[in-house]
């Protein structure tokens, strides 16, 4: 068993909780997607792509070396 007093254990717990929360969010979102029709899923995909580009699209542009 791991010594719970060692350095870094709280950080590991926090990381594991964050990963579990992300997985729970995906699971709950998929429950809603199953109930949607084709047009709803298409609209959702467009919104997800736009949000992804807003959050992470700039990062790719900044890392380009000319």
PDB file of N, CA and C in Angstrom:
ATOM      1  N   UNK A   1       0.841  -1.172   0.000  1.00  0.00           N
ATOM      2  CA  UNK A   1       0.000   0.000   0.000  1.00  0.00           C
ATOM      3  C   UNK A   1       0.894   1.247   0.000  1.00  0.00           C
ATOM      4  N   UNK A   2       0.419   2.290  -0.649  1.00  0.00           N
ATOM      5  CA  UNK A   2       1.189   3.531  -0.739  1.00  0.00           C
ATOM      6  C   UNK A   2       1.106   4.311   0.561  1.00  0.00           C
ATOM      7  N   UNK A   3       2.225   4.887   0.962  1.00  0.00           N
ATOM      8  CA  UNK A   3       2.269   5.730   2.151  1.00  0.00           C
ATOM      9  C   UNK A   3       1.526   7.033   1.855  1.00  0.00           C
ATOM     10  N   UNK A   4       0.418   7.267   2.533  1.00  0.00           N
ATOM     11  CA  UNK A   4      -0.433   8.433   2.270  1.00  0.00           C
ATOM     12  C   UNK A   4       0.186   9.742   2.751  1.00  0.00           C
ATOM     13  N   UNK A   5       1.285   9.669   3.496  1.00  0.00           N
ATOM     14  CA  UNK A   5       1.922  10.892   3.986  1.00  0.00           C
ATOM     15  C   UNK A   5       3.038  11.363   3.055  1.00  0.00           C
ATOM     16  N   UNK A   6       3.364  10.585   2.037  1.00  0.00           N
ATOM     17  CA  UNK A   6       4.430  10.969   1.116  1.00  0.00           C
ATOM     18  C   UNK A   6       4.057  12.222   0.354  1.00  0.00           C
ATOM     19  N   UNK A   7       5.092  12.952  -0.100  1.00  0.00           N
ATOM     20  CA  UNK A   7       4.878  14.158  -0.873  1.00  0.00           C
ATOM     21  C   UNK A   7       4.227  13.793  -2.207  1.00  0.00           C
ATOM     22  N   UNK A   8       3.265  14.568  -2.635  1.00  0.00           N
ATOM     23  CA  UNK A   8       2.642  14.379  -3.937  1.00  0.00           C
ATOM     24  C   UNK A   8       1.363  13.575  -3.919  1.00  0.00           C
ATOM     25  N   UNK A   9       1.049  12.912  -2.827  1.00  0.00           N
ATOM     26  CA  UNK A   9      -0.167  12.093  -2.768  1.00  0.00           C
ATOM     27  C   UNK A   9      -1.419  12.952  -2.936  1.00  0.00           C
ATOM     28  N   UNK A  10      -1.546  14.106  -2.260  1.00  0.00           N
ATOM     29  CA  UNK A  10      -2.742  14.937  -2.487  1.00  0.00           C
ATOM     30  C   UNK A  10      -2.872  15.395  -3.940  1.00  0.00           C
ATOM     31  N   UNK A  11      -1.742  15.669  -4.597  1.00  0.00           N
ATOM     32  CA  UNK A  11      -1.794  16.081  -5.994  1.00  0.00           C
ATOM     33  C   UNK A  11      -2.291  14.940  -6.883  1.00  0.00           C
ATOM     34  N   UNK A  12      -1.887  13.728  -6.552  1.00  0.00           N
ATOM     35  CA  UNK A  12      -2.343  12.563  -7.314  1.00  0.00           C
ATOM     36  C   UNK A  12      -3.845  12.390  -7.133  1.00  0.00           C
ATOM     37  N   UNK A  13      -4.328  12.542  -5.908  1.00  0.00           N
ATOM     38  CA  UNK A  13      -5.765  12.429  -5.644  1.00  0.00           C
ATOM     39  C   UNK A  13      -6.526  13.500  -6.406  1.00  0.00           C
ATOM     40  N   UNK A  14      -6.016  14.715  -6.400  1.00  0.00           N
ATOM     41  CA  UNK A  14      -6.679  15.819  -7.090  1.00  0.00           C
ATOM     42  C   UNK A  14      -6.726  15.553  -8.597  1.00  0.00           C
ATOM     43  N   UNK A  15      -5.628  15.066  -9.154  1.00  0.00           N
ATOM     44  CA  UNK A  15      -5.573  14.757 -10.587  1.00  0.00           C
ATOM     45  C   UNK A  15      -6.574  13.660 -10.929  1.00  0.00           C
ATOM     46  N   UNK A  16      -6.631  12.612 -10.087  1.00  0.00           N
ATOM     47  CA  UNK A  16      -7.569  11.518 -10.335  1.00  0.00           C
ATOM     48  C   UNK A  16      -9.013  11.988 -10.263  1.00  0.00           C
ATOM     49  N   UNK A  17      -9.320  12.891  -9.329  1.00  0.00           N
ATOM     50  CA  UNK A  17     -10.674  13.436  -9.219  1.00  0.00           C
ATOM     51  C   UNK A  17     -11.029  14.266 -10.450  1.00  0.00           C
ATOM     52  N   UNK A  18     -10.075  15.031 -10.956  1.00  0.00           N
ATOM     53  CA  UNK A  18     -10.315  15.842 -12.150  1.00  0.00           C
ATOM     54  C   UNK A  18     -10.570  14.950 -13.361  1.00  0.00           C
ATOM     55  N   UNK A  19      -9.813  13.872 -13.488  1.00  0.00           N
ATOM     56  CA  UNK A  19     -10.009  12.936 -14.593  1.00  0.00           C
ATOM     57  C   UNK A  19     -11.377  12.280 -14.496  1.00  0.00           C
ATOM     58  N   UNK A  20     -11.761  11.880 -13.276  1.00  0.00           N
ATOM     59  CA  UNK A  20     -13.066  11.248 -13.088  1.00  0.00           C
ATOM     60  C   UNK A  20     -14.193  12.218 -13.414  1.00  0.00           C
ATOM     61  N   UNK A  21     -14.046  13.489 -13.032  1.00  0.00           N
ATOM     62  CA  UNK A  21     -15.083  14.480 -13.322  1.00  0.00           C
ATOM     63  C   UNK A  21     -15.245  14.658 -14.832  1.00  0.00           C
ATOM     64  N   UNK A  22     -14.121  14.700 -15.571  1.00  0.00           N
ATOM     65  CA  UNK A  22     -14.196  14.821 -17.025  1.00  0.00           C
ATOM     66  C   UNK A  22     -14.908  13.615 -17.637  1.00  0.00           C
ATOM     67  N   UNK A  23     -14.591  12.422 -17.152  1.00  0.00           N
ATOM     68  CA  UNK A  23     -15.252  11.220 -17.665  1.00  0.00           C
ATOM     69  C   UNK A  23     -16.741  11.233 -17.343  1.00  0.00           C
ATOM     70  N   UNK A  24     -17.107  11.709 -16.150  1.00  0.00           N
ATOM     71  CA  UNK A  24     -18.518  11.802 -15.777  1.00  0.00           C
ATOM     72  C   UNK A  24     -19.256  12.809 -16.659  1.00  0.00           C
ATOM     73  N   UNK A  25     -18.588  13.930 -16.986  1.00  0.00           N
ATOM     74  CA  UNK A  25     -19.198  14.923 -17.872  1.00  0.00           C
ATOM     75  C   UNK A  25     -19.460  14.335 -19.260  1.00  0.00           C
ATOM     76  N   UNK A  26     -18.487  13.587 -19.763  1.00  0.00           N
ATOM     77  CA  UNK A  26     -18.653  12.961 -21.078  1.00  0.00           C
ATOM     78  C   UNK A  26     -19.797  11.948 -21.037  1.00  0.00           C
ATOM     79  N   UNK A  27     -19.870  11.180 -19.982  1.00  0.00           N
ATOM     80  CA  UNK A  27     -20.934  10.173 -19.857  1.00  0.00           C
ATOM     81  C   UNK A  27     -22.309  10.819 -19.818  1.00  0.00           C
ATOM     82  N   UNK A  28     -22.440  11.884 -19.046  1.00  0.00           N
ATOM     83  CA  UNK A  28     -23.741  12.545 -18.963  1.00  0.00           C
ATOM     84  C   UNK A  28     -24.099  13.233 -20.274  1.00  0.00           C
ATOM     85  N   UNK A  29     -23.097  13.775 -20.980  1.00  0.00           N
ATOM     86  CA  UNK A  29     -23.362  14.387 -22.276  1.00  0.00           C
ATOM     87  C   UNK A  29     -23.813  13.332 -23.284  1.00  0.00           C
ATOM     88  N   UNK A  30     -23.194  12.158 -23.233  1.00  0.00           N
ATOM     89  CA  UNK A  30     -23.570  11.095 -24.166  1.00  0.00           C
ATOM     90  C   UNK A  30     -24.986  10.596 -23.913  1.00  0.00           C
ATOM     91  N   UNK A  31     -25.429  10.625 -22.673  1.00  0.00           N
ATOM     92  CA  UNK A  31     -26.806  10.239 -22.367  1.00  0.00           C
ATOM     93  C   UNK A  31     -27.775  11.183 -23.073  1.00  0.00           C
ATOM     94  N   UNK A  32     -27.428  12.462 -23.127  1.00  0.00           N
ATOM     95  CA  UNK A  32     -28.274  13.444 -23.815  1.00  0.00           C
ATOM     96  C   UNK A  32     -28.185  13.282 -25.330  1.00  0.00           C
ATOM     97  N   UNK A  33     -27.005  12.988 -25.840  1.00  0.00           N
ATOM     98  CA  UNK A  33     -26.816  12.835 -27.287  1.00  0.00           C
ATOM     99  C   UNK A  33     -27.635  11.655 -27.802  1.00  0.00           C
ATOM    100  N   UNK A  34     -27.725  10.594 -27.044  1.00  0.00           N
ATOM    101  CA  UNK A  34     -28.492   9.417 -27.465  1.00  0.00           C
ATOM    102  C   UNK A  34     -29.959   9.788 -27.689  1.00  0.00           C
ATOM    103  N   UNK A  35     -30.454  10.745 -26.941  1.00  0.00           N
ATOM    104  CA  UNK A  35     -31.859  11.160 -27.052  1.00  0.00           C
ATOM    105  C   UNK A  35     -32.097  12.128 -28.206  1.00  0.00           C
ATOM    106  N   UNK A  36     -31.045  12.681 -28.819  1.00  0.00           N
ATOM    107  CA  UNK A  36     -31.190  13.686 -29.877  1.00  0.00           C
ATOM    108  C   UNK A  36     -31.439  13.042 -31.236  1.00  0.00           C
ATOM    109  N   UNK A  37     -32.024  13.855 -32.126  1.00  0.00           N
ATOM    110  CA  UNK A  37     -32.160  13.418 -33.506  1.00  0.00           C
ATOM    111  C   UNK A  37     -30.965  13.941 -34.318  1.00  0.00           C
ATOM    112  N   UNK A  38     -30.962  13.664 -35.610  1.00  0.00           N
ATOM    113  CA  UNK A  38     -29.808  13.994 -36.445  1.00  0.00           C
ATOM    114  C   UNK A  38     -29.513  15.491 -36.479  1.00  0.00           C
ATOM    115  N   UNK A  39     -30.528  16.316 -36.595  1.00  0.00           N
ATOM    116  CA  UNK A  39     -30.288  17.761 -36.671  1.00  0.00           C
ATOM    117  C   UNK A  39     -29.737  18.301 -35.357  1.00  0.00           C
ATOM    118  N   UNK A  40     -30.190  17.780 -34.246  1.00  0.00           N
ATOM    119  CA  UNK A  40     -29.676  18.205 -32.944  1.00  0.00           C
ATOM    120  C   UNK A  40     -28.217  17.832 -32.760  1.00  0.00           C
ATOM    121  N   UNK A  41     -27.864  16.625 -33.203  1.00  0.00           N
ATOM    122  CA  UNK A  41     -26.475  16.178 -33.090  1.00  0.00           C
ATOM    123  C   UNK A  41     -25.578  17.015 -33.996  1.00  0.00           C
ATOM    124  N   UNK A  42     -26.063  17.333 -35.199  1.00  0.00           N
ATOM    125  CA  UNK A  42     -25.286  18.164 -36.122  1.00  0.00           C
ATOM    126  C   UNK A  42     -25.039  19.542 -35.524  1.00  0.00           C
ATOM    127  N   UNK A  43     -26.064  20.140 -34.963  1.00  0.00           N
ATOM    128  CA  UNK A  43     -25.905  21.450 -34.329  1.00  0.00           C
ATOM    129  C   UNK A  43     -24.919  21.387 -33.167  1.00  0.00           C
ATOM    130  N   UNK A  44     -25.009  20.340 -32.391  1.00  0.00           N
ATOM    131  CA  UNK A  44     -24.093  20.154 -31.266  1.00  0.00           C
ATOM    132  C   UNK A  44     -22.653  20.010 -31.745  1.00  0.00           C
ATOM    133  N   UNK A  45     -22.434  19.262 -32.813  1.00  0.00           N
ATOM    134  CA  UNK A  45     -21.084  19.104 -33.352  1.00  0.00           C
ATOM    135  C   UNK A  45     -20.506  20.436 -33.798  1.00  0.00           C
ATOM    136  N   UNK A  46     -21.318  21.262 -34.434  1.00  0.00           N
ATOM    137  CA  UNK A  46     -20.855  22.577 -34.876  1.00  0.00           C
ATOM    138  C   UNK A  46     -20.461  23.434 -33.682  1.00  0.00           C
ATOM    139  N   UNK A  47     -21.272  23.415 -32.632  1.00  0.00           N
ATOM    140  CA  UNK A  47     -20.969  24.198 -31.436  1.00  0.00           C
ATOM    141  C   UNK A  47     -19.711  23.679 -30.739  1.00  0.00           C
ATOM    142  N   UNK A  48     -19.542  22.367 -30.690  1.00  0.00           N
ATOM    143  CA  UNK A  48     -18.354  21.792 -30.056  1.00  0.00           C
ATOM    144  C   UNK A  48     -17.105  22.172 -30.839  1.00  0.00           C
ATOM    145  N   UNK A  49     -17.167  22.096 -32.166  1.00  0.00           N
ATOM    146  CA  UNK A  49     -16.015  22.476 -32.988  1.00  0.00           C
ATOM    147  C   UNK A  49     -15.658  23.942 -32.797  1.00  0.00           C
ATOM    148  N   UNK A  50     -16.672  24.803 -32.720  1.00  0.00           N
ATOM    149  CA  UNK A  50     -16.416  26.226 -32.517  1.00  0.00           C
ATOM    150  C   UNK A  50     -15.774  26.473 -31.150  1.00  0.00           C
ATOM    151  N   UNK A  51     -16.262  25.814 -30.127  1.00  0.00           N
ATOM    152  CA  UNK A  51     -15.702  25.976 -28.787  1.00  0.00           C
ATOM    153  C   UNK A  51     -14.276  25.441 -28.723  1.00  0.00           C
ATOM    154  N   UNK A  52     -14.022  24.313 -29.376  1.00  0.00           N
ATOM    155  CA  UNK A  52     -12.678  23.740 -29.402  1.00  0.00           C
ATOM    156  C   UNK A  52     -11.721  24.705 -30.096  1.00  0.00           C
ATOM    157  N   UNK A  53     -12.144  25.270 -31.213  1.00  0.00           N
ATOM    158  CA  UNK A  53     -11.299  26.215 -31.943  1.00  0.00           C
ATOM    159  C   UNK A  53     -11.042  27.459 -31.099  1.00  0.00           C
ATOM    160  N   UNK A  54     -12.070  27.907 -30.363  1.00  0.00           N
ATOM    161  CA  UNK A  54     -11.903  29.090 -29.513  1.00  0.00           C
ATOM    162  C   UNK A  54     -10.890  28.818 -28.409  1.00  0.00           C
ATOM    163  N   UNK A  55     -10.955  27.636 -27.804  1.00  0.00           N
ATOM    164  CA  UNK A  55     -10.076  27.328 -26.681  1.00  0.00           C
ATOM    165  C   UNK A  55      -8.674  26.935 -27.111  1.00  0.00           C
ATOM    166  N   UNK A  56      -8.564  26.112 -28.148  1.00  0.00           N
ATOM    167  CA  UNK A  56      -7.281  25.503 -28.464  1.00  0.00           C
ATOM    168  C   UNK A  56      -6.722  25.888 -29.831  1.00  0.00           C
ATOM    169  N   UNK A  57      -7.488  26.522 -30.664  1.00  0.00           N
ATOM    170  CA  UNK A  57      -7.022  26.885 -31.995  1.00  0.00           C
ATOM    171  C   UNK A  57      -5.901  27.902 -31.969  1.00  0.00           C
ATOM    172  N   UNK A  58      -5.930  28.841 -31.033  1.00  0.00           N
ATOM    173  CA  UNK A  58      -4.903  29.870 -30.934  1.00  0.00           C
ATOM    174  C   UNK A  58      -3.572  29.272 -30.517  1.00  0.00           C
ATOM    175  N   UNK A  59      -3.594  28.229 -29.723  1.00  0.00           N
ATOM    176  CA  UNK A  59      -2.357  27.607 -29.246  1.00  0.00           C
ATOM    177  C   UNK A  59      -1.525  27.080 -30.404  1.00  0.00           C
ATOM    178  N   UNK A  60      -2.168  26.507 -31.408  1.00  0.00           N
ATOM    179  CA  UNK A  60      -1.441  25.980 -32.554  1.00  0.00           C
ATOM    180  C   UNK A  60      -0.792  27.109 -33.341  1.00  0.00           C
ATOM    181  N   UNK A  61      -1.515  28.218 -33.491  1.00  0.00           N
ATOM    182  CA  UNK A  61      -0.978  29.343 -34.266  1.00  0.00           C
ATOM    183  C   UNK A  61       0.231  29.973 -33.581  1.00  0.00           C
ATOM    184  N   UNK A  62       0.257  30.009 -32.264  1.00  0.00           N
ATOM    185  CA  UNK A  62       1.365  30.615 -31.534  1.00  0.00           C
ATOM    186  C   UNK A  62       2.633  29.766 -31.599  1.00  0.00           C
ATOM    187  N   UNK A  63       2.494  28.464 -31.774  1.00  0.00           N
ATOM    188  CA  UNK A  63       3.644  27.568 -31.768  1.00  0.00           C
ATOM    189  C   UNK A  63       4.311  27.444 -33.140  1.00  0.00           C
ATOM    190  N   UNK A  64       3.728  28.071 -34.153  1.00  0.00           N
ATOM    191  CA  UNK A  64       4.298  27.966 -35.504  1.00  0.00           C
ATOM    192  C   UNK A  64       5.569  28.789 -35.562  1.00  0.00           C
ATOM    193  N   UNK A  65       6.629  28.183 -36.102  1.00  0.00           N
ATOM    194  CA  UNK A  65       7.908  28.876 -36.255  1.00  0.00           C
ATOM    195  C   UNK A  65       8.064  29.218 -37.732  1.00  0.00           C
ATOM    196  N   UNK A  66       8.259  30.505 -38.014  1.00  0.00           N
ATOM    197  CA  UNK A  66       8.430  30.940 -39.403  1.00  0.00           C
ATOM    198  C   UNK A  66       9.871  31.094 -39.756  1.00  0.00           C
TER     199      UNK A  66
END
